[in-house]
């Protein structure tokens, strides 16, 4: 029975994490918006605070929220540096992907240029 309880708790942690992450990435919780832990628990059908806190800790590690002592939880904003980093990554990854896999695109006449 304890194993089932552990799986249920793990499931609630995962559900809370996925729920919050989806809401953040879809901008349903806007950047720099404060969140209330009790309201979040209620939104998910009155789950307990433990799985919600685990989910919030994981989201903080991923940089999606900031936990501010004595203030609460805040959705992290996107900075200009974040945007520049994303474009730099795309500049590295996309040409490689085209050189390596571009000829596999159906109906494509694209051929890599010799480097």
PDB file of N, CA and C in Angstrom:
ATOM      1  N   UNK A   1       0.818  -1.195   0.000  1.00  0.00           N
ATOM      2  CA  UNK A   1       0.000   0.000   0.000  1.00  0.00           C
ATOM      3  C   UNK A   1       0.866   1.265   0.000  1.00  0.00           C
ATOM      4  N   UNK A   2       1.994   1.239   0.696  1.00  0.00           N
ATOM      5  CA  UNK A   2       2.872   2.403   0.740  1.00  0.00           C
ATOM      6  C   UNK A   2       3.432   2.712  -0.638  1.00  0.00           C
ATOM      7  N   UNK A   3       3.684   1.671  -1.428  1.00  0.00           N
ATOM      8  CA  UNK A   3       4.209   1.875  -2.784  1.00  0.00           C
ATOM      9  C   UNK A   3       3.192   2.622  -3.643  1.00  0.00           C
ATOM     10  N   UNK A   4       1.909   2.288  -3.507  1.00  0.00           N
ATOM     11  CA  UNK A   4       0.855   2.972  -4.255  1.00  0.00           C
ATOM     12  C   UNK A   4       0.754   4.437  -3.828  1.00  0.00           C
ATOM     13  N   UNK A   5       0.878   4.687  -2.525  1.00  0.00           N
ATOM     14  CA  UNK A   5       0.850   6.058  -2.024  1.00  0.00           C
ATOM     15  C   UNK A   5       2.016   6.860  -2.595  1.00  0.00           C
ATOM     16  N   UNK A   6       3.193   6.247  -2.644  1.00  0.00           N
ATOM     17  CA  UNK A   6       4.373   6.917  -3.186  1.00  0.00           C
ATOM     18  C   UNK A   6       4.172   7.233  -4.667  1.00  0.00           C
ATOM     19  N   UNK A   7       3.582   6.300  -5.420  1.00  0.00           N
ATOM     20  CA  UNK A   7       3.326   6.533  -6.841  1.00  0.00           C
ATOM     21  C   UNK A   7       2.290   7.630  -7.035  1.00  0.00           C
ATOM     22  N   UNK A   8       1.285   7.664  -6.182  1.00  0.00           N
ATOM     23  CA  UNK A   8       0.256   8.703  -6.277  1.00  0.00           C
ATOM     24  C   UNK A   8       0.853  10.074  -6.005  1.00  0.00           C
ATOM     25  N   UNK A   9       1.719  10.158  -4.985  1.00  0.00           N
ATOM     26  CA  UNK A   9       2.377  11.428  -4.672  1.00  0.00           C
ATOM     27  C   UNK A   9       3.271  11.861  -5.821  1.00  0.00           C
ATOM     28  N   UNK A  10       4.024  10.929  -6.375  1.00  0.00           N
ATOM     29  CA  UNK A  10       4.897  11.242  -7.495  1.00  0.00           C
ATOM     30  C   UNK A  10       4.062  11.745  -8.659  1.00  0.00           C
ATOM     31  N   UNK A  11       2.944  11.099  -8.859  1.00  0.00           N
ATOM     32  CA  UNK A  11       2.051  11.498  -9.929  1.00  0.00           C
ATOM     33  C   UNK A  11       1.521  12.916  -9.702  1.00  0.00           C
ATOM     34  N   UNK A  12       1.157  13.237  -8.485  1.00  0.00           N
ATOM     35  CA  UNK A  12       0.679  14.590  -8.183  1.00  0.00           C
ATOM     36  C   UNK A  12       1.783  15.622  -8.385  1.00  0.00           C
ATOM     37  N   UNK A  13       3.014  15.269  -8.003  1.00  0.00           N
ATOM     38  CA  UNK A  13       4.143  16.177  -8.224  1.00  0.00           C
ATOM     39  C   UNK A  13       4.306  16.460  -9.710  1.00  0.00           C
ATOM     40  N   UNK A  14       4.272  15.399 -10.494  1.00  0.00           N
ATOM     41  CA  UNK A  14       4.435  15.520 -11.930  1.00  0.00           C
ATOM     42  C   UNK A  14       3.273  16.289 -12.550  1.00  0.00           C
ATOM     43  N   UNK A  15       2.066  16.000 -12.102  1.00  0.00           N
ATOM     44  CA  UNK A  15       0.890  16.715 -12.611  1.00  0.00           C
ATOM     45  C   UNK A  15       0.992  18.206 -12.309  1.00  0.00           C
ATOM     46  N   UNK A  16       1.369  18.541 -11.089  1.00  0.00           N
ATOM     47  CA  UNK A  16       1.503  19.949 -10.694  1.00  0.00           C
ATOM     48  C   UNK A  16       2.590  20.627 -11.519  1.00  0.00           C
ATOM     49  N   UNK A  17       3.710  19.948 -11.675  1.00  0.00           N
ATOM     50  CA  UNK A  17       4.818  20.494 -12.465  1.00  0.00           C
ATOM     51  C   UNK A  17       4.380  20.765 -13.900  1.00  0.00           C
ATOM     52  N   UNK A  18       3.753  19.780 -14.543  1.00  0.00           N
ATOM     53  CA  UNK A  18       3.337  19.930 -15.933  1.00  0.00           C
ATOM     54  C   UNK A  18       2.260  21.007 -16.090  1.00  0.00           C
ATOM     55  N   UNK A  19       1.337  21.046 -15.143  1.00  0.00           N
ATOM     56  CA  UNK A  19       0.267  22.046 -15.163  1.00  0.00           C
ATOM     57  C   UNK A  19       0.861  23.461 -15.112  1.00  0.00           C
ATOM     58  N   UNK A  20       1.733  23.691 -14.139  1.00  0.00           N
ATOM     59  CA  UNK A  20       2.321  25.024 -13.971  1.00  0.00           C
ATOM     60  C   UNK A  20       3.219  25.393 -15.140  1.00  0.00           C
ATOM     61  N   UNK A  21       4.026  24.453 -15.589  1.00  0.00           N
ATOM     62  CA  UNK A  21       4.944  24.734 -16.699  1.00  0.00           C
ATOM     63  C   UNK A  21       4.161  25.108 -17.956  1.00  0.00           C
ATOM     64  N   UNK A  22       3.095  24.383 -18.228  1.00  0.00           N
ATOM     65  CA  UNK A  22       2.265  24.679 -19.398  1.00  0.00           C
ATOM     66  C   UNK A  22       1.662  26.076 -19.289  1.00  0.00           C
ATOM     67  N   UNK A  23       1.144  26.414 -18.122  1.00  0.00           N
ATOM     68  CA  UNK A  23       0.541  27.731 -17.918  1.00  0.00           C
ATOM     69  C   UNK A  23       1.577  28.848 -18.083  1.00  0.00           C
ATOM     70  N   UNK A  24       2.791  28.613 -17.594  1.00  0.00           N
ATOM     71  CA  UNK A  24       3.848  29.622 -17.711  1.00  0.00           C
ATOM     72  C   UNK A  24       4.272  29.775 -19.173  1.00  0.00           C
ATOM     73  N   UNK A  25       4.517  28.654 -19.849  1.00  0.00           N
ATOM     74  CA  UNK A  25       4.988  28.718 -21.234  1.00  0.00           C
ATOM     75  C   UNK A  25       3.928  29.268 -22.186  1.00  0.00           C
ATOM     76  N   UNK A  26       2.663  29.091 -21.842  1.00  0.00           N
ATOM     77  CA  UNK A  26       1.577  29.645 -22.664  1.00  0.00           C
ATOM     78  C   UNK A  26       1.208  31.072 -22.251  1.00  0.00           C
ATOM     79  N   UNK A  27       1.969  31.630 -21.325  1.00  0.00           N
ATOM     80  CA  UNK A  27       1.769  32.994 -20.816  1.00  0.00           C
ATOM     81  C   UNK A  27       0.410  33.188 -20.155  1.00  0.00           C
ATOM     82  N   UNK A  28      -0.164  32.110 -19.636  1.00  0.00           N
ATOM     83  CA  UNK A  28      -1.364  32.263 -18.827  1.00  0.00           C
ATOM     84  C   UNK A  28      -0.989  32.861 -17.478  1.00  0.00           C
ATOM     85  N   UNK A  29       0.224  32.576 -17.027  1.00  0.00           N
ATOM     86  CA  UNK A  29       0.834  33.287 -15.910  1.00  0.00           C
ATOM     87  C   UNK A  29       1.911  34.144 -16.564  1.00  0.00           C
ATOM     88  N   UNK A  30       1.735  35.429 -16.511  1.00  0.00           N
ATOM     89  CA  UNK A  30       2.612  36.349 -17.245  1.00  0.00           C
ATOM     90  C   UNK A  30       3.940  36.564 -16.528  1.00  0.00           C
ATOM     91  N   UNK A  31       4.979  36.944 -17.290  1.00  0.00           N
ATOM     92  CA  UNK A  31       6.263  37.270 -16.668  1.00  0.00           C
ATOM     93  C   UNK A  31       6.105  38.348 -15.604  1.00  0.00           C
ATOM     94  N   UNK A  32       6.791  38.167 -14.507  1.00  0.00           N
ATOM     95  CA  UNK A  32       6.792  39.070 -13.351  1.00  0.00           C
ATOM     96  C   UNK A  32       5.471  39.079 -12.576  1.00  0.00           C
ATOM     97  N   UNK A  33       4.589  38.144 -12.881  1.00  0.00           N
ATOM     98  CA  UNK A  33       3.328  38.023 -12.142  1.00  0.00           C
ATOM     99  C   UNK A  33       3.580  37.231 -10.856  1.00  0.00           C
ATOM    100  N   UNK A  34       2.982  37.696  -9.773  1.00  0.00           N
ATOM    101  CA  UNK A  34       3.103  36.971  -8.510  1.00  0.00           C
ATOM    102  C   UNK A  34       2.068  35.855  -8.467  1.00  0.00           C
ATOM    103  N   UNK A  35       2.468  34.713  -7.930  1.00  0.00           N
ATOM    104  CA  UNK A  35       1.591  33.563  -7.794  1.00  0.00           C
ATOM    105  C   UNK A  35       1.377  33.268  -6.319  1.00  0.00           C
ATOM    106  N   UNK A  36       0.224  32.726  -6.006  1.00  0.00           N
ATOM    107  CA  UNK A  36      -0.102  32.365  -4.648  1.00  0.00           C
ATOM    108  C   UNK A  36      -0.178  30.838  -4.559  1.00  0.00           C
ATOM    109  N   UNK A  37       0.624  30.271  -3.682  1.00  0.00           N
ATOM    110  CA  UNK A  37       0.697  28.814  -3.551  1.00  0.00           C
ATOM    111  C   UNK A  37      -0.656  28.195  -3.213  1.00  0.00           C
ATOM    112  N   UNK A  38      -1.398  28.814  -2.319  1.00  0.00           N
ATOM    113  CA  UNK A  38      -2.707  28.268  -1.932  1.00  0.00           C
ATOM    114  C   UNK A  38      -3.687  28.292  -3.100  1.00  0.00           C
ATOM    115  N   UNK A  39      -3.667  29.363  -3.880  1.00  0.00           N
ATOM    116  CA  UNK A  39      -4.558  29.451  -5.043  1.00  0.00           C
ATOM    117  C   UNK A  39      -4.178  28.412  -6.091  1.00  0.00           C
ATOM    118  N   UNK A  40      -2.883  28.183  -6.259  1.00  0.00           N
ATOM    119  CA  UNK A  40      -2.423  27.172  -7.216  1.00  0.00           C
ATOM    120  C   UNK A  40      -2.911  25.791  -6.803  1.00  0.00           C
ATOM    121  N   UNK A  41      -2.829  25.493  -5.504  1.00  0.00           N
ATOM    122  CA  UNK A  41      -3.320  24.204  -4.996  1.00  0.00           C
ATOM    123  C   UNK A  41      -4.817  24.069  -5.258  1.00  0.00           C
ATOM    124  N   UNK A  42      -5.554  25.156  -5.046  1.00  0.00           N
ATOM    125  CA  UNK A  42      -7.002  25.132  -5.266  1.00  0.00           C
ATOM    126  C   UNK A  42      -7.330  24.955  -6.748  1.00  0.00           C
ATOM    127  N   UNK A  43      -6.562  25.599  -7.618  1.00  0.00           N
ATOM    128  CA  UNK A  43      -6.773  25.468  -9.065  1.00  0.00           C
ATOM    129  C   UNK A  43      -6.661  24.021  -9.527  1.00  0.00           C
ATOM    130  N   UNK A  44      -5.797  23.284  -8.856  1.00  0.00           N
ATOM    131  CA  UNK A  44      -5.563  21.901  -9.256  1.00  0.00           C
ATOM    132  C   UNK A  44      -6.468  20.924  -8.509  1.00  0.00           C
ATOM    133  N   UNK A  45      -7.506  21.410  -7.912  1.00  0.00           N
ATOM    134  CA  UNK A  45      -8.440  20.518  -7.226  1.00  0.00           C
ATOM    135  C   UNK A  45      -8.081  20.270  -5.781  1.00  0.00           C
ATOM    136  N   UNK A  46      -7.560  21.286  -5.121  1.00  0.00           N
ATOM    137  CA  UNK A  46      -7.195  21.208  -3.700  1.00  0.00           C
ATOM    138  C   UNK A  46      -6.166  20.123  -3.403  1.00  0.00           C
ATOM    139  N   UNK A  47      -5.099  20.092  -4.207  1.00  0.00           N
ATOM    140  CA  UNK A  47      -4.013  19.163  -3.882  1.00  0.00           C
ATOM    141  C   UNK A  47      -3.275  19.707  -2.664  1.00  0.00           C
ATOM    142  N   UNK A  48      -2.525  18.857  -2.007  1.00  0.00           N
ATOM    143  CA  UNK A  48      -1.804  19.313  -0.814  1.00  0.00           C
ATOM    144  C   UNK A  48      -0.610  20.172  -1.225  1.00  0.00           C
ATOM    145  N   UNK A  49      -0.048  20.854  -0.246  1.00  0.00           N
ATOM    146  CA  UNK A  49       1.053  21.782  -0.519  1.00  0.00           C
ATOM    147  C   UNK A  49       2.356  21.063  -0.876  1.00  0.00           C
ATOM    148  N   UNK A  50       2.520  19.829  -0.424  1.00  0.00           N
ATOM    149  CA  UNK A  50       3.791  19.128  -0.658  1.00  0.00           C
ATOM    150  C   UNK A  50       4.078  18.904  -2.143  1.00  0.00           C
ATOM    151  N   UNK A  51       3.160  18.309  -2.903  1.00  0.00           N
ATOM    152  CA  UNK A  51       3.472  18.150  -4.325  1.00  0.00           C
ATOM    153  C   UNK A  51       3.599  19.486  -5.046  1.00  0.00           C
ATOM    154  N   UNK A  52       2.851  20.492  -4.616  1.00  0.00           N
ATOM    155  CA  UNK A  52       2.947  21.809  -5.240  1.00  0.00           C
ATOM    156  C   UNK A  52       4.315  22.430  -4.965  1.00  0.00           C
ATOM    157  N   UNK A  53       4.790  22.294  -3.739  1.00  0.00           N
ATOM    158  CA  UNK A  53       6.111  22.847  -3.411  1.00  0.00           C
ATOM    159  C   UNK A  53       7.225  22.142  -4.183  1.00  0.00           C
ATOM    160  N   UNK A  54       7.100  20.837  -4.353  1.00  0.00           N
ATOM    161  CA  UNK A  54       8.081  20.103  -5.154  1.00  0.00           C
ATOM    162  C   UNK A  54       8.082  20.610  -6.595  1.00  0.00           C
ATOM    163  N   UNK A  55       6.901  20.807  -7.152  1.00  0.00           N
ATOM    164  CA  UNK A  55       6.790  21.314  -8.522  1.00  0.00           C
ATOM    165  C   UNK A  55       7.377  22.723  -8.628  1.00  0.00           C
ATOM    166  N   UNK A  56       7.083  23.559  -7.645  1.00  0.00           N
ATOM    167  CA  UNK A  56       7.602  24.926  -7.659  1.00  0.00           C
ATOM    168  C   UNK A  56       9.121  24.941  -7.535  1.00  0.00           C
ATOM    169  N   UNK A  57       9.668  24.052  -6.711  1.00  0.00           N
ATOM    170  CA  UNK A  57      11.126  23.959  -6.588  1.00  0.00           C
ATOM    171  C   UNK A  57      11.776  23.568  -7.897  1.00  0.00           C
ATOM    172  N   UNK A  58      11.161  22.631  -8.595  1.00  0.00           N
ATOM    173  CA  UNK A  58      11.693  22.189  -9.895  1.00  0.00           C
ATOM    174  C   UNK A  58      11.617  23.324 -10.926  1.00  0.00           C
ATOM    175  N   UNK A  59      10.515  24.058 -10.916  1.00  0.00           N
ATOM    176  CA  UNK A  59      10.375  25.187 -11.839  1.00  0.00           C
ATOM    177  C   UNK A  59      11.373  26.297 -11.525  1.00  0.00           C
ATOM    178  N   UNK A  60      11.687  26.467 -10.252  1.00  0.00           N
ATOM    179  CA  UNK A  60      12.705  27.458  -9.881  1.00  0.00           C
ATOM    180  C   UNK A  60      14.068  27.023 -10.397  1.00  0.00           C
ATOM    181  N   UNK A  61      14.396  25.739 -10.273  1.00  0.00           N
ATOM    182  CA  UNK A  61      15.674  25.233 -10.776  1.00  0.00           C
ATOM    183  C   UNK A  61      15.784  25.435 -12.282  1.00  0.00           C
ATOM    184  N   UNK A  62      14.668  25.345 -12.981  1.00  0.00           N
ATOM    185  CA  UNK A  62      14.664  25.537 -14.431  1.00  0.00           C
ATOM    186  C   UNK A  62      14.625  27.018 -14.822  1.00  0.00           C
ATOM    187  N   UNK A  63      14.486  27.889 -13.837  1.00  0.00           N
ATOM    188  CA  UNK A  63      14.498  29.320 -14.109  1.00  0.00           C
ATOM    189  C   UNK A  63      13.168  29.884 -14.570  1.00  0.00           C
ATOM    190  N   UNK A  64      12.083  29.117 -14.427  1.00  0.00           N
ATOM    191  CA  UNK A  64      10.782  29.602 -14.869  1.00  0.00           C
ATOM    192  C   UNK A  64      10.066  30.439 -13.815  1.00  0.00           C
ATOM    193  N   UNK A  65      10.401  30.229 -12.555  1.00  0.00           N
ATOM    194  CA  UNK A  65       9.855  31.067 -11.485  1.00  0.00           C
ATOM    195  C   UNK A  65      10.988  31.471 -10.555  1.00  0.00           C
ATOM    196  N   UNK A  66      10.724  32.499  -9.780  1.00  0.00           N
ATOM    197  CA  UNK A  66      11.666  32.948  -8.759  1.00  0.00           C
ATOM    198  C   UNK A  66      10.923  32.919  -7.429  1.00  0.00           C
ATOM    199  N   UNK A  67      11.538  32.294  -6.437  1.00  0.00           N
ATOM    200  CA  UNK A  67      10.943  32.277  -5.100  1.00  0.00           C
ATOM    201  C   UNK A  67      11.601  33.403  -4.306  1.00  0.00           C
ATOM    202  N   UNK A  68      10.789  34.380  -3.933  1.00  0.00           N
ATOM    203  CA  UNK A  68      11.287  35.546  -3.209  1.00  0.00           C
ATOM    204  C   UNK A  68      10.921  35.398  -1.744  1.00  0.00           C
ATOM    205  N   UNK A  69      11.935  35.273  -0.865  1.00  0.00           N
ATOM    206  CA  UNK A  69      11.650  35.109   0.562  1.00  0.00           C
ATOM    207  C   UNK A  69      10.772  36.247   1.096  1.00  0.00           C
ATOM    208  N   UNK A  70       9.764  35.888   1.847  1.00  0.00           N
ATOM    209  CA  UNK A  70       8.825  36.806   2.500  1.00  0.00           C
ATOM    210  C   UNK A  70       7.968  37.614   1.519  1.00  0.00           C
ATOM    211  N   UNK A  71       8.053  37.280   0.215  1.00  0.00           N
ATOM    212  CA  UNK A  71       7.236  37.986  -0.772  1.00  0.00           C
ATOM    213  C   UNK A  71       6.352  37.023  -1.542  1.00  0.00           C
ATOM    214  N   UNK A  72       6.905  35.885  -1.916  1.00  0.00           N
ATOM    215  CA  UNK A  72       6.103  34.917  -2.646  1.00  0.00           C
ATOM    216  C   UNK A  72       6.805  34.372  -3.870  1.00  0.00           C
ATOM    217  N   UNK A  73       6.003  33.976  -4.819  1.00  0.00           N
ATOM    218  CA  UNK A  73       6.485  33.361  -6.051  1.00  0.00           C
ATOM    219  C   UNK A  73       6.242  34.310  -7.218  1.00  0.00           C
ATOM    220  N   UNK A  74       7.221  34.406  -8.095  1.00  0.00           N
ATOM    221  CA  UNK A  74       7.061  35.288  -9.237  1.00  0.00           C
ATOM    222  C   UNK A  74       7.496  34.554 -10.499  1.00  0.00           C
ATOM    223  N   UNK A  75       6.701  34.686 -11.554  1.00  0.00           N
ATOM    224  CA  UNK A  75       7.049  34.102 -12.836  1.00  0.00           C
ATOM    225  C   UNK A  75       8.240  34.884 -13.380  1.00  0.00           C
ATOM    226  N   UNK A  76       9.279  34.183 -13.800  1.00  0.00           N
ATOM    227  CA  UNK A  76      10.474  34.834 -14.316  1.00  0.00           C
ATOM    228  C   UNK A  76      10.196  35.470 -15.669  1.00  0.00           C
ATOM    229  N   UNK A  77      10.797  36.615 -15.894  1.00  0.00           N
ATOM    230  CA  UNK A  77      10.656  37.300 -17.172  1.00  0.00           C
ATOM    231  C   UNK A  77      11.745  36.866 -18.141  1.00  0.00           C
ATOM    232  N   UNK A  78      11.573  37.235 -19.379  1.00  0.00           N
ATOM    233  CA  UNK A  78      12.572  36.954 -20.406  1.00  0.00           C
ATOM    234  C   UNK A  78      13.367  38.232 -20.604  1.00  0.00           C
ATOM    235  N   UNK A  79      14.679  38.116 -20.488  1.00  0.00           N
ATOM    236  CA  UNK A  79      15.533  39.286 -20.641  1.00  0.00           C
ATOM    237  C   UNK A  79      16.051  39.377 -22.081  1.00  0.00           C
ATOM    238  N   UNK A  80      16.611  40.518 -22.400  1.00  0.00           N
ATOM    239  CA  UNK A  80      17.218  40.712 -23.724  1.00  0.00           C
ATOM    240  C   UNK A  80      18.363  39.717 -23.917  1.00  0.00           C
ATOM    241  N   UNK A  81      19.087  39.443 -22.854  1.00  0.00           N
ATOM    242  CA  UNK A  81      20.184  38.471 -22.916  1.00  0.00           C
ATOM    243  C   UNK A  81      19.661  37.072 -23.251  1.00  0.00           C
ATOM    244  N   UNK A  82      18.504  36.699 -22.690  1.00  0.00           N
ATOM    245  CA  UNK A  82      17.894  35.405 -23.007  1.00  0.00           C
ATOM    246  C   UNK A  82      17.586  35.301 -24.498  1.00  0.00           C
ATOM    247  N   UNK A  83      17.033  36.376 -25.061  1.00  0.00           N
ATOM    248  CA  UNK A  83      16.693  36.384 -26.490  1.00  0.00           C
ATOM    249  C   UNK A  83      17.955  36.251 -27.328  1.00  0.00           C
ATOM    250  N   UNK A  84      18.996  36.981 -26.979  1.00  0.00           N
ATOM    251  CA  UNK A  84      20.258  36.892 -27.724  1.00  0.00           C
ATOM    252  C   UNK A  84      20.834  35.476 -27.637  1.00  0.00           C
ATOM    253  N   UNK A  85      20.763  34.874 -26.474  1.00  0.00           N
ATOM    254  CA  UNK A  85      21.269  33.505 -26.307  1.00  0.00           C
ATOM    255  C   UNK A  85      20.504  32.524 -27.189  1.00  0.00           C
ATOM    256  N   UNK A  86      19.179  32.683 -27.256  1.00  0.00           N
ATOM    257  CA  UNK A  86      18.372  31.789 -28.093  1.00  0.00           C
ATOM    258  C   UNK A  86      18.756  31.933 -29.565  1.00  0.00           C
ATOM    259  N   UNK A  87      18.951  33.168 -30.031  1.00  0.00           N
ATOM    260  CA  UNK A  87      19.327  33.367 -31.427  1.00  0.00           C
ATOM    261  C   UNK A  87      20.720  32.816 -31.711  1.00  0.00           C
ATOM    262  N   UNK A  88      21.642  32.966 -30.769  1.00  0.00           N
ATOM    263  CA  UNK A  88      22.977  32.403 -30.948  1.00  0.00           C
ATOM    264  C   UNK A  88      22.921  30.885 -31.081  1.00  0.00           C
ATOM    265  N   UNK A  89      22.099  30.256 -30.260  1.00  0.00           N
ATOM    266  CA  UNK A  89      21.938  28.801 -30.351  1.00  0.00           C
ATOM    267  C   UNK A  89      21.354  28.404 -31.705  1.00  0.00           C
ATOM    268  N   UNK A  90      20.368  29.141 -32.158  1.00  0.00           N
ATOM    269  CA  UNK A  90      19.760  28.837 -33.453  1.00  0.00           C
ATOM    270  C   UNK A  90      20.781  29.001 -34.570  1.00  0.00           C
ATOM    271  N   UNK A  91      21.638  30.017 -34.464  1.00  0.00           N
ATOM    272  CA  UNK A  91      22.667  30.216 -35.495  1.00  0.00           C
ATOM    273  C   UNK A  91      23.652  29.056 -35.539  1.00  0.00           C
ATOM    274  N   UNK A  92      23.850  28.406 -34.426  1.00  0.00           N
ATOM    275  CA  UNK A  92      24.736  27.247 -34.382  1.00  0.00           C
ATOM    276  C   UNK A  92      24.043  25.967 -34.837  1.00  0.00           C
ATOM    277  N   UNK A  93      22.822  25.764 -34.381  1.00  0.00           N
ATOM    278  CA  UNK A  93      22.131  24.497 -34.607  1.00  0.00           C
ATOM    279  C   UNK A  93      21.501  24.394 -36.001  1.00  0.00           C
ATOM    280  N   UNK A  94      20.841  25.441 -36.453  1.00  0.00           N
ATOM    281  CA  UNK A  94      20.090  25.343 -37.701  1.00  0.00           C
ATOM    282  C   UNK A  94      20.961  25.089 -38.931  1.00  0.00           C
ATOM    283  N   UNK A  95      22.083  25.783 -39.110  1.00  0.00           N
ATOM    284  CA  UNK A  95      22.921  25.453 -40.278  1.00  0.00           C
ATOM    285  C   UNK A  95      23.438  24.005 -40.226  1.00  0.00           C
ATOM    286  N   UNK A  96      23.797  23.549 -39.048  1.00  0.00           N
ATOM    287  CA  UNK A  96      24.246  22.162 -38.901  1.00  0.00           C
ATOM    288  C   UNK A  96      23.142  21.192 -39.299  1.00  0.00           C
ATOM    289  N   UNK A  97      21.921  21.459 -38.815  1.00  0.00           N
ATOM    290  CA  UNK A  97      20.791  20.579 -39.127  1.00  0.00           C
ATOM    291  C   UNK A  97      20.526  20.546 -40.629  1.00  0.00           C
ATOM    292  N   UNK A  98      20.603  21.700 -41.282  1.00  0.00           N
ATOM    293  CA  UNK A  98      20.392  21.724 -42.733  1.00  0.00           C
ATOM    294  C   UNK A  98      21.496  20.987 -43.488  1.00  0.00           C
ATOM    295  N   UNK A  99      22.743  21.213 -43.090  1.00  0.00           N
ATOM    296  CA  UNK A  99      23.858  20.507 -43.757  1.00  0.00           C
ATOM    297  C   UNK A  99      23.745  19.006 -43.584  1.00  0.00           C
ATOM    298  N   UNK A 100      23.369  18.590 -42.396  1.00  0.00           N
ATOM    299  CA  UNK A 100      23.342  17.172 -42.079  1.00  0.00           C
ATOM    300  C   UNK A 100      22.089  16.474 -42.586  1.00  0.00           C
ATOM    301  N   UNK A 101      20.948  17.113 -42.454  1.00  0.00           N
ATOM    302  CA  UNK A 101      19.680  16.437 -42.734  1.00  0.00           C
ATOM    303  C   UNK A 101      18.849  17.095 -43.834  1.00  0.00           C
ATOM    304  N   UNK A 102      19.324  18.185 -44.403  1.00  0.00           N
ATOM    305  CA  UNK A 102      18.545  18.919 -45.409  1.00  0.00           C
ATOM    306  C   UNK A 102      18.172  18.089 -46.616  1.00  0.00           C
ATOM    307  N   UNK A 103      19.064  17.203 -47.045  1.00  0.00           N
ATOM    308  CA  UNK A 103      18.768  16.386 -48.228  1.00  0.00           C
ATOM    309  C   UNK A 103      17.708  15.325 -47.940  1.00  0.00           C
ATOM    310  N   UNK A 104      17.365  15.093 -46.681  1.00  0.00           N
ATOM    311  CA  UNK A 104      16.349  14.103 -46.316  1.00  0.00           C
ATOM    312  C   UNK A 104      14.940  14.698 -46.301  1.00  0.00           C
ATOM    313  N   UNK A 105      14.823  16.009 -46.515  1.00  0.00           N
ATOM    314  CA  UNK A 105      13.510  16.653 -46.526  1.00  0.00           C
ATOM    315  C   UNK A 105      12.808  16.255 -47.821  1.00  0.00           C
ATOM    316  N   UNK A 106      11.625  15.654 -47.726  1.00  0.00           N
ATOM    317  CA  UNK A 106      10.918  15.212 -48.938  1.00  0.00           C
ATOM    318  C   UNK A 106      10.623  16.373 -49.883  1.00  0.00           C
ATOM    319  N   UNK A 107      10.892  16.171 -51.161  1.00  0.00           N
ATOM    320  CA  UNK A 107      10.624  17.186 -52.175  1.00  0.00           C
ATOM    321  C   UNK A 107      11.599  18.335 -52.152  1.00  0.00           C
ATOM    322  N   UNK A 108      12.678  18.209 -51.408  1.00  0.00           N
ATOM    323  CA  UNK A 108      13.654  19.295 -51.290  1.00  0.00           C
ATOM    324  C   UNK A 108      14.728  19.150 -52.351  1.00  0.00           C
ATOM    325  N   UNK A 109      15.055  20.264 -52.981  1.00  0.00           N
ATOM    326  CA  UNK A 109      16.172  20.253 -53.925  1.00  0.00           C
ATOM    327  C   UNK A 109      17.395  20.897 -53.283  1.00  0.00           C
ATOM    328  N   UNK A 110      17.309  21.129 -51.981  1.00  0.00           N
ATOM    329  CA  UNK A 110      18.398  21.754 -51.255  1.00  0.00           C
ATOM    330  C   UNK A 110      19.585  20.822 -51.169  1.00  0.00           C
ATOM    331  N   UNK A 111      20.741  21.303 -51.473  1.00  0.00           N
ATOM    332  CA  UNK A 111      21.983  20.555 -51.340  1.00  0.00           C
ATOM    333  C   UNK A 111      22.974  21.413 -50.563  1.00  0.00           C
ATOM    334  N   UNK A 112      23.738  20.801 -49.683  1.00  0.00           N
ATOM    335  CA  UNK A 112      24.695  21.593 -48.909  1.00  0.00           C
ATOM    336  C   UNK A 112      25.804  22.143 -49.806  1.00  0.00           C
ATOM    337  N   UNK A 113      26.237  23.350 -49.456  1.00  0.00           N
ATOM    338  CA  UNK A 113      27.369  23.917 -50.188  1.00  0.00           C
ATOM    339  C   UNK A 113      28.638  23.348 -49.603  1.00  0.00           C
ATOM    340  N   UNK A 114      29.655  23.120 -50.457  1.00  0.00           N
ATOM    341  CA  UNK A 114      30.914  22.586 -49.916  1.00  0.00           C
ATOM    342  C   UNK A 114      31.535  23.589 -48.952  1.00  0.00           C
ATOM    343  N   UNK A 115      32.053  23.080 -47.845  1.00  0.00           N
ATOM    344  CA  UNK A 115      32.647  23.994 -46.869  1.00  0.00           C
ATOM    345  C   UNK A 115      34.136  23.863 -46.836  1.00  0.00           C
TER     346      UNK A 115
END
